[in-house]
Amino acid sequence: MNLDELYRETILDHNQSPRNRRALENPTKTVGLLNPTCGDQIKLDLQLEQGIVRDVGFTGQGCSISMASASMLTEAIKGQSIDDALALAQNFKAFLTGTPSRLPLGELEALQGVSQFPSRVKCATLAHNALEKMLAESDESS
């Protein structure tokens, strides 16, 4: 299996069997975003405790890229500090625009090919933009 096939398999896996695709019962923070270009939408719920992402869930609808990216993101940030989760979202967005990531992106690297299709970058970054919006205004410190 070559690298492109591996990437495709990872995206398909997360799209067909998304991780953390559920609404949280008592989220600390919730944000929803819509990609008006294509209609993809996401609602991201976080359960924050003492500055750590204890649980995360997402709901919404969209293309395989946006849903797979949301699934991968939720897996990557669970257990992370608010600052680390925010840094991951920012690094991933930079990575898709050609800037080398300063952080390990794990499975999110499977979305690298999206950078060749500018209209799809918005799909891949929808969940990351939601997370960034939520955490940039976060005052969670307890």
N, C-alpha and C. Protein backbone atom coordinates (compact mmCIF):
# COMPACT_ATOMS: atom_id res chain seq x y z
N MET A 1 0.85 -1.19 0.00
CA MET A 1 0.00 0.00 0.00
C MET A 1 0.89 1.24 0.00
N ASN A 2 0.63 2.16 -0.93
CA ASN A 2 1.43 3.38 -0.95
C ASN A 2 0.82 4.43 0.00
N LEU A 3 1.54 5.53 0.16
CA LEU A 3 1.14 6.56 1.12
C LEU A 3 -0.23 7.15 0.78
N ASP A 4 -0.50 7.41 -0.51
CA ASP A 4 -1.80 7.95 -0.90
C ASP A 4 -2.94 7.01 -0.52
N GLU A 5 -2.73 5.71 -0.72
CA GLU A 5 -3.75 4.74 -0.36
C GLU A 5 -3.97 4.70 1.15
N LEU A 6 -2.87 4.77 1.90
CA LEU A 6 -2.99 4.81 3.35
C LEU A 6 -3.78 6.03 3.79
N TYR A 7 -3.48 7.18 3.22
CA TYR A 7 -4.21 8.40 3.56
C TYR A 7 -5.69 8.25 3.23
N ARG A 8 -5.98 7.73 2.05
CA ARG A 8 -7.38 7.54 1.66
C ARG A 8 -8.09 6.59 2.63
N GLU A 9 -7.41 5.52 3.02
CA GLU A 9 -7.99 4.57 3.96
C GLU A 9 -8.29 5.23 5.31
N THR A 10 -7.39 6.07 5.78
CA THR A 10 -7.58 6.76 7.06
C THR A 10 -8.79 7.68 6.98
N ILE A 11 -8.90 8.44 5.90
CA ILE A 11 -10.03 9.36 5.74
C ILE A 11 -11.34 8.57 5.63
N LEU A 12 -11.34 7.52 4.84
CA LEU A 12 -12.55 6.70 4.71
C LEU A 12 -12.95 6.08 6.04
N ASP A 13 -11.97 5.58 6.78
CA ASP A 13 -12.25 4.97 8.08
C ASP A 13 -12.90 5.97 9.02
N HIS A 14 -12.34 7.18 9.11
CA HIS A 14 -12.91 8.18 10.02
C HIS A 14 -14.26 8.69 9.54
N ASN A 15 -14.48 8.69 8.23
CA ASN A 15 -15.78 9.12 7.72
C ASN A 15 -16.84 8.04 7.97
N GLN A 16 -16.49 6.78 7.74
CA GLN A 16 -17.46 5.70 7.89
C GLN A 16 -17.69 5.30 9.35
N SER A 17 -16.66 5.46 10.17
CA SER A 17 -16.76 5.13 11.60
C SER A 17 -16.20 6.28 12.43
N PRO A 18 -16.91 7.41 12.42
CA PRO A 18 -16.38 8.59 13.11
C PRO A 18 -16.26 8.38 14.61
N ARG A 19 -15.17 8.85 15.14
CA ARG A 19 -14.94 8.81 16.58
C ARG A 19 -15.58 10.04 17.20
N ASN A 20 -16.17 9.87 18.36
CA ASN A 20 -16.72 10.97 19.16
C ASN A 20 -17.86 11.72 18.46
N ARG A 21 -18.54 11.06 17.54
CA ARG A 21 -19.68 11.72 16.88
C ARG A 21 -20.91 11.55 17.75
N ARG A 22 -21.06 12.52 18.63
CA ARG A 22 -22.18 12.54 19.56
C ARG A 22 -22.20 13.91 20.24
N ALA A 23 -23.38 14.28 20.71
CA ALA A 23 -23.49 15.50 21.51
C ALA A 23 -23.18 15.12 22.96
N LEU A 24 -22.44 15.97 23.64
CA LEU A 24 -22.17 15.74 25.06
C LEU A 24 -23.38 16.20 25.86
N GLU A 25 -23.66 15.49 26.95
CA GLU A 25 -24.82 15.84 27.77
C GLU A 25 -24.66 17.17 28.49
N ASN A 26 -23.48 17.42 29.05
CA ASN A 26 -23.25 18.65 29.80
C ASN A 26 -21.94 19.31 29.37
N PRO A 27 -21.89 19.82 28.15
CA PRO A 27 -20.63 20.42 27.70
C PRO A 27 -20.33 21.71 28.44
N THR A 28 -19.04 21.95 28.63
CA THR A 28 -18.59 23.21 29.21
C THR A 28 -18.64 24.31 28.16
N LYS A 29 -18.30 23.93 26.94
CA LYS A 29 -18.29 24.87 25.81
C LYS A 29 -18.92 24.19 24.61
N THR A 30 -19.66 24.97 23.83
CA THR A 30 -20.27 24.49 22.59
C THR A 30 -20.16 25.60 21.56
N VAL A 31 -19.86 25.20 20.33
CA VAL A 31 -19.84 26.16 19.25
C VAL A 31 -20.29 25.46 17.98
N GLY A 32 -20.99 26.18 17.14
CA GLY A 32 -21.41 25.66 15.85
C GLY A 32 -20.86 26.53 14.74
N LEU A 33 -20.48 25.90 13.64
CA LEU A 33 -20.01 26.65 12.47
C LEU A 33 -20.60 26.05 11.21
N LEU A 34 -20.76 26.90 10.22
CA LEU A 34 -21.27 26.52 8.92
C LEU A 34 -20.27 26.96 7.86
N ASN A 35 -20.00 26.10 6.90
CA ASN A 35 -19.21 26.48 5.75
C ASN A 35 -20.21 26.89 4.67
N PRO A 36 -20.41 28.20 4.47
CA PRO A 36 -21.44 28.64 3.52
C PRO A 36 -21.13 28.26 2.07
N THR A 37 -19.88 27.97 1.79
CA THR A 37 -19.49 27.61 0.43
C THR A 37 -20.14 26.31 -0.01
N CYS A 38 -20.18 25.32 0.92
CA CYS A 38 -20.67 24.00 0.53
C CYS A 38 -21.82 23.50 1.40
N GLY A 39 -22.10 24.17 2.51
CA GLY A 39 -23.18 23.76 3.38
C GLY A 39 -22.78 22.83 4.51
N ASP A 40 -21.50 22.44 4.59
CA ASP A 40 -21.06 21.62 5.72
C ASP A 40 -21.31 22.38 7.01
N GLN A 41 -21.73 21.65 8.03
CA GLN A 41 -21.95 22.28 9.33
C GLN A 41 -21.49 21.35 10.44
N ILE A 42 -21.04 21.96 11.52
CA ILE A 42 -20.55 21.19 12.66
C ILE A 42 -20.93 21.89 13.95
N LYS A 43 -21.21 21.09 14.95
CA LYS A 43 -21.38 21.58 16.31
C LYS A 43 -20.38 20.80 17.14
N LEU A 44 -19.52 21.51 17.83
CA LEU A 44 -18.46 20.91 18.64
C LEU A 44 -18.76 21.17 20.10
N ASP A 45 -18.74 20.11 20.91
CA ASP A 45 -18.94 20.20 22.35
C ASP A 45 -17.67 19.78 23.06
N LEU A 46 -17.29 20.55 24.08
CA LEU A 46 -16.14 20.19 24.90
C LEU A 46 -16.56 20.12 26.36
N GLN A 47 -15.96 19.18 27.06
CA GLN A 47 -16.07 19.13 28.51
C GLN A 47 -14.67 19.46 29.03
N LEU A 48 -14.53 20.65 29.57
CA LEU A 48 -13.24 21.12 30.08
C LEU A 48 -13.21 21.00 31.59
N GLU A 49 -12.07 20.58 32.09
CA GLU A 49 -11.91 20.46 33.54
C GLU A 49 -10.48 20.83 33.88
N GLN A 50 -10.32 21.86 34.66
CA GLN A 50 -9.00 22.36 35.08
C GLN A 50 -8.08 22.58 33.87
N GLY A 51 -8.65 23.18 32.82
CA GLY A 51 -7.86 23.53 31.65
C GLY A 51 -7.52 22.37 30.73
N ILE A 52 -8.15 21.21 30.93
CA ILE A 52 -7.90 20.02 30.12
C ILE A 52 -9.18 19.61 29.40
N VAL A 53 -9.04 19.17 28.14
CA VAL A 53 -10.18 18.65 27.38
C VAL A 53 -10.44 17.23 27.88
N ARG A 54 -11.43 17.09 28.75
CA ARG A 54 -11.75 15.77 29.32
C ARG A 54 -12.58 14.93 28.36
N ASP A 55 -13.48 15.60 27.61
CA ASP A 55 -14.29 14.88 26.63
C ASP A 55 -14.64 15.84 25.50
N VAL A 56 -14.91 15.27 24.36
CA VAL A 56 -15.23 16.07 23.18
C VAL A 56 -16.18 15.26 22.30
N GLY A 57 -17.11 15.96 21.70
CA GLY A 57 -18.03 15.33 20.77
C GLY A 57 -18.38 16.30 19.66
N PHE A 58 -18.82 15.75 18.53
CA PHE A 58 -19.26 16.61 17.45
C PHE A 58 -20.49 16.02 16.79
N THR A 59 -21.31 16.90 16.28
CA THR A 59 -22.45 16.53 15.46
C THR A 59 -22.44 17.43 14.25
N GLY A 60 -23.18 17.06 13.25
CA GLY A 60 -23.25 17.87 12.05
C GLY A 60 -23.35 17.01 10.82
N GLN A 61 -23.23 17.68 9.70
CA GLN A 61 -23.29 16.97 8.43
C GLN A 61 -22.38 17.67 7.45
N GLY A 62 -21.86 16.87 6.53
CA GLY A 62 -20.98 17.44 5.53
C GLY A 62 -20.30 16.36 4.73
N CYS A 63 -19.35 16.77 3.95
CA CYS A 63 -18.62 15.85 3.09
C CYS A 63 -17.69 14.95 3.92
N SER A 64 -17.15 13.95 3.26
CA SER A 64 -16.28 13.00 3.95
C SER A 64 -15.05 13.68 4.54
N ILE A 65 -14.55 14.70 3.86
CA ILE A 65 -13.36 15.41 4.36
C ILE A 65 -13.68 16.12 5.67
N SER A 66 -14.78 16.86 5.73
CA SER A 66 -15.08 17.61 6.95
C SER A 66 -15.41 16.69 8.11
N MET A 67 -16.14 15.61 7.86
CA MET A 67 -16.51 14.69 8.94
C MET A 67 -15.29 13.88 9.41
N ALA A 68 -14.46 13.44 8.49
CA ALA A 68 -13.25 12.70 8.88
C ALA A 68 -12.30 13.61 9.66
N SER A 69 -12.16 14.84 9.22
CA SER A 69 -11.29 15.79 9.91
C SER A 69 -11.79 16.05 11.33
N ALA A 70 -13.10 16.20 11.49
CA ALA A 70 -13.67 16.41 12.83
C ALA A 70 -13.40 15.20 13.72
N SER A 71 -13.56 14.01 13.17
CA SER A 71 -13.30 12.79 13.92
C SER A 71 -11.84 12.72 14.36
N MET A 72 -10.93 12.98 13.44
CA MET A 72 -9.49 12.94 13.76
C MET A 72 -9.14 14.00 14.80
N LEU A 73 -9.71 15.19 14.65
CA LEU A 73 -9.43 16.27 15.60
C LEU A 73 -9.89 15.89 17.00
N THR A 74 -11.08 15.34 17.12
CA THR A 74 -11.58 15.01 18.45
C THR A 74 -10.70 13.96 19.12
N GLU A 75 -10.21 13.02 18.35
CA GLU A 75 -9.30 12.01 18.90
C GLU A 75 -7.99 12.66 19.36
N ALA A 76 -7.50 13.62 18.59
CA ALA A 76 -6.20 14.24 18.87
C ALA A 76 -6.22 15.15 20.10
N ILE A 77 -7.35 15.79 20.38
CA ILE A 77 -7.35 16.77 21.47
C ILE A 77 -7.82 16.22 22.81
N LYS A 78 -8.41 15.04 22.82
CA LYS A 78 -8.90 14.47 24.08
C LYS A 78 -7.72 14.29 25.03
N GLY A 79 -7.84 14.87 26.23
CA GLY A 79 -6.78 14.77 27.23
C GLY A 79 -5.74 15.87 27.12
N GLN A 80 -5.86 16.73 26.12
CA GLN A 80 -4.89 17.81 25.92
C GLN A 80 -5.28 19.05 26.74
N SER A 81 -4.31 19.89 26.99
CA SER A 81 -4.61 21.18 27.62
C SER A 81 -5.28 22.08 26.58
N ILE A 82 -5.97 23.10 27.05
CA ILE A 82 -6.60 24.06 26.15
C ILE A 82 -5.55 24.65 25.20
N ASP A 83 -4.40 25.03 25.75
CA ASP A 83 -3.35 25.63 24.92
C ASP A 83 -2.83 24.66 23.86
N ASP A 84 -2.65 23.39 24.24
CA ASP A 84 -2.16 22.40 23.28
C ASP A 84 -3.20 22.10 22.20
N ALA A 85 -4.46 22.04 22.58
CA ALA A 85 -5.53 21.80 21.60
C ALA A 85 -5.62 22.96 20.62
N LEU A 86 -5.52 24.18 21.13
CA LEU A 86 -5.54 25.36 20.28
C LEU A 86 -4.34 25.39 19.35
N ALA A 87 -3.17 25.06 19.87
CA ALA A 87 -1.95 25.02 19.05
C ALA A 87 -2.07 23.97 17.95
N LEU A 88 -2.67 22.83 18.25
CA LEU A 88 -2.86 21.79 17.25
C LEU A 88 -3.75 22.29 16.12
N ALA A 89 -4.86 22.93 16.46
CA ALA A 89 -5.77 23.46 15.44
C ALA A 89 -5.06 24.49 14.56
N GLN A 90 -4.30 25.37 15.17
CA GLN A 90 -3.59 26.40 14.41
C GLN A 90 -2.50 25.79 13.53
N ASN A 91 -1.78 24.81 14.06
CA ASN A 91 -0.72 24.15 13.28
C ASN A 91 -1.31 23.37 12.11
N PHE A 92 -2.44 22.72 12.32
CA PHE A 92 -3.07 21.97 11.24
C PHE A 92 -3.48 22.90 10.11
N LYS A 93 -4.09 24.03 10.46
CA LYS A 93 -4.51 24.98 9.42
C LYS A 93 -3.30 25.50 8.65
N ALA A 94 -2.21 25.79 9.35
CA ALA A 94 -0.99 26.25 8.68
C ALA A 94 -0.42 25.14 7.79
N PHE A 95 -0.46 23.91 8.27
CA PHE A 95 0.02 22.74 7.54
C PHE A 95 -0.69 22.61 6.19
N LEU A 96 -2.00 22.86 6.17
CA LEU A 96 -2.76 22.74 4.93
C LEU A 96 -2.47 23.87 3.95
N THR A 97 -1.86 24.93 4.43
CA THR A 97 -1.51 26.03 3.53
C THR A 97 -0.02 26.03 3.21
N GLY A 98 0.66 24.94 3.57
CA GLY A 98 2.06 24.78 3.15
C GLY A 98 3.11 25.09 4.19
N THR A 99 2.71 25.47 5.39
CA THR A 99 3.67 25.74 6.45
C THR A 99 3.94 24.45 7.20
N PRO A 100 5.19 24.06 7.35
CA PRO A 100 5.47 22.83 8.10
C PRO A 100 4.95 22.94 9.53
N SER A 101 4.35 21.87 10.01
CA SER A 101 3.81 21.87 11.36
C SER A 101 4.94 21.77 12.38
N ARG A 102 4.81 22.51 13.45
CA ARG A 102 5.78 22.43 14.55
C ARG A 102 5.39 21.33 15.52
N LEU A 103 4.21 20.78 15.35
CA LEU A 103 3.70 19.75 16.25
C LEU A 103 3.40 18.48 15.47
N PRO A 104 3.49 17.33 16.12
CA PRO A 104 3.05 16.11 15.44
C PRO A 104 1.53 16.17 15.23
N LEU A 105 1.10 15.87 14.03
CA LEU A 105 -0.32 15.95 13.70
C LEU A 105 -1.01 14.60 13.70
N GLY A 106 -0.24 13.53 13.79
CA GLY A 106 -0.83 12.19 13.82
C GLY A 106 -1.65 11.93 12.56
N GLU A 107 -2.82 11.35 12.77
CA GLU A 107 -3.67 10.98 11.63
C GLU A 107 -4.12 12.18 10.81
N LEU A 108 -4.11 13.36 11.39
CA LEU A 108 -4.52 14.55 10.64
C LEU A 108 -3.64 14.77 9.40
N GLU A 109 -2.43 14.22 9.41
CA GLU A 109 -1.57 14.35 8.24
C GLU A 109 -2.17 13.66 7.02
N ALA A 110 -3.11 12.76 7.23
CA ALA A 110 -3.78 12.09 6.11
C ALA A 110 -4.51 13.08 5.22
N LEU A 111 -4.80 14.26 5.75
CA LEU A 111 -5.52 15.27 4.99
C LEU A 111 -4.61 16.19 4.19
N GLN A 112 -3.33 15.91 4.15
CA GLN A 112 -2.37 16.76 3.46
C GLN A 112 -2.74 16.99 1.99
N GLY A 113 -3.25 15.97 1.32
CA GLY A 113 -3.60 16.10 -0.09
C GLY A 113 -4.68 17.13 -0.35
N VAL A 114 -5.45 17.46 0.66
CA VAL A 114 -6.51 18.45 0.53
C VAL A 114 -5.93 19.81 0.15
N SER A 115 -4.69 20.06 0.55
CA SER A 115 -4.07 21.36 0.28
C SER A 115 -3.98 21.65 -1.22
N GLN A 116 -4.06 20.63 -2.05
CA GLN A 116 -4.02 20.83 -3.50
C GLN A 116 -5.35 21.32 -4.06
N PHE A 117 -6.37 21.34 -3.22
CA PHE A 117 -7.71 21.75 -3.64
C PHE A 117 -8.22 22.83 -2.69
N PRO A 118 -7.92 24.08 -2.98
CA PRO A 118 -8.26 25.17 -2.05
C PRO A 118 -9.71 25.18 -1.58
N SER A 119 -10.64 24.79 -2.42
CA SER A 119 -12.04 24.79 -1.99
C SER A 119 -12.30 23.73 -0.93
N ARG A 120 -11.47 22.69 -0.88
CA ARG A 120 -11.63 21.62 0.10
C ARG A 120 -10.93 21.93 1.43
N VAL A 121 -10.01 22.88 1.42
CA VAL A 121 -9.32 23.24 2.67
C VAL A 121 -10.35 23.72 3.70
N LYS A 122 -11.36 24.45 3.23
CA LYS A 122 -12.40 24.92 4.15
C LYS A 122 -13.16 23.75 4.79
N CYS A 123 -13.31 22.67 4.03
CA CYS A 123 -13.97 21.47 4.57
C CYS A 123 -13.10 20.85 5.66
N ALA A 124 -11.81 20.72 5.36
CA ALA A 124 -10.88 20.06 6.30
C ALA A 124 -10.66 20.88 7.56
N THR A 125 -10.83 22.18 7.48
CA THR A 125 -10.55 23.03 8.64
C THR A 125 -11.80 23.48 9.39
N LEU A 126 -12.97 23.03 8.99
CA LEU A 126 -14.20 23.48 9.65
C LEU A 126 -14.19 23.18 11.15
N ALA A 127 -13.90 21.96 11.53
CA ALA A 127 -13.87 21.60 12.96
C ALA A 127 -12.76 22.34 13.69
N HIS A 128 -11.64 22.53 13.02
CA HIS A 128 -10.51 23.23 13.62
C HIS A 128 -10.84 24.71 13.84
N ASN A 129 -11.56 25.29 12.88
CA ASN A 129 -11.99 26.67 13.05
C ASN A 129 -12.97 26.79 14.21
N ALA A 130 -13.85 25.80 14.36
CA ALA A 130 -14.79 25.80 15.48
C ALA A 130 -14.05 25.71 16.81
N LEU A 131 -13.07 24.81 16.86
CA LEU A 131 -12.28 24.66 18.08
C LEU A 131 -11.52 25.95 18.39
N GLU A 132 -10.92 26.52 17.37
CA GLU A 132 -10.15 27.75 17.55
C GLU A 132 -11.05 28.87 18.05
N LYS A 133 -12.22 29.01 17.46
CA LYS A 133 -13.17 30.04 17.89
C LYS A 133 -13.56 29.83 19.35
N MET A 134 -13.82 28.58 19.70
CA MET A 134 -14.25 28.26 21.06
C MET A 134 -13.14 28.52 22.08
N LEU A 135 -11.92 28.04 21.79
CA LEU A 135 -10.84 28.13 22.76
C LEU A 135 -10.17 29.49 22.81
N ALA A 136 -10.20 30.22 21.72
CA ALA A 136 -9.60 31.55 21.72
C ALA A 136 -10.35 32.47 22.67
N GLU A 137 -11.63 32.21 22.85
CA GLU A 137 -12.43 33.04 23.77
C GLU A 137 -12.64 32.34 25.11
N SER A 138 -11.95 31.21 25.32
CA SER A 138 -12.16 30.42 26.52
C SER A 138 -11.59 31.12 27.75
N ASP A 139 -12.38 31.10 28.79
CA ASP A 139 -11.91 31.62 30.08
C ASP A 139 -11.92 30.50 31.10
N GLU A 140 -11.95 29.26 30.60
CA GLU A 140 -11.97 28.08 31.48
C GLU A 140 -10.63 27.97 32.22
N SER A 141 -10.67 28.01 33.51
CA SER A 141 -9.43 27.88 34.27
C SER A 141 -9.62 27.03 35.52
N SER A 142 -10.84 26.56 35.75
CA SER A 142 -11.07 25.78 36.96
C SER A 142 -10.86 24.31 36.74
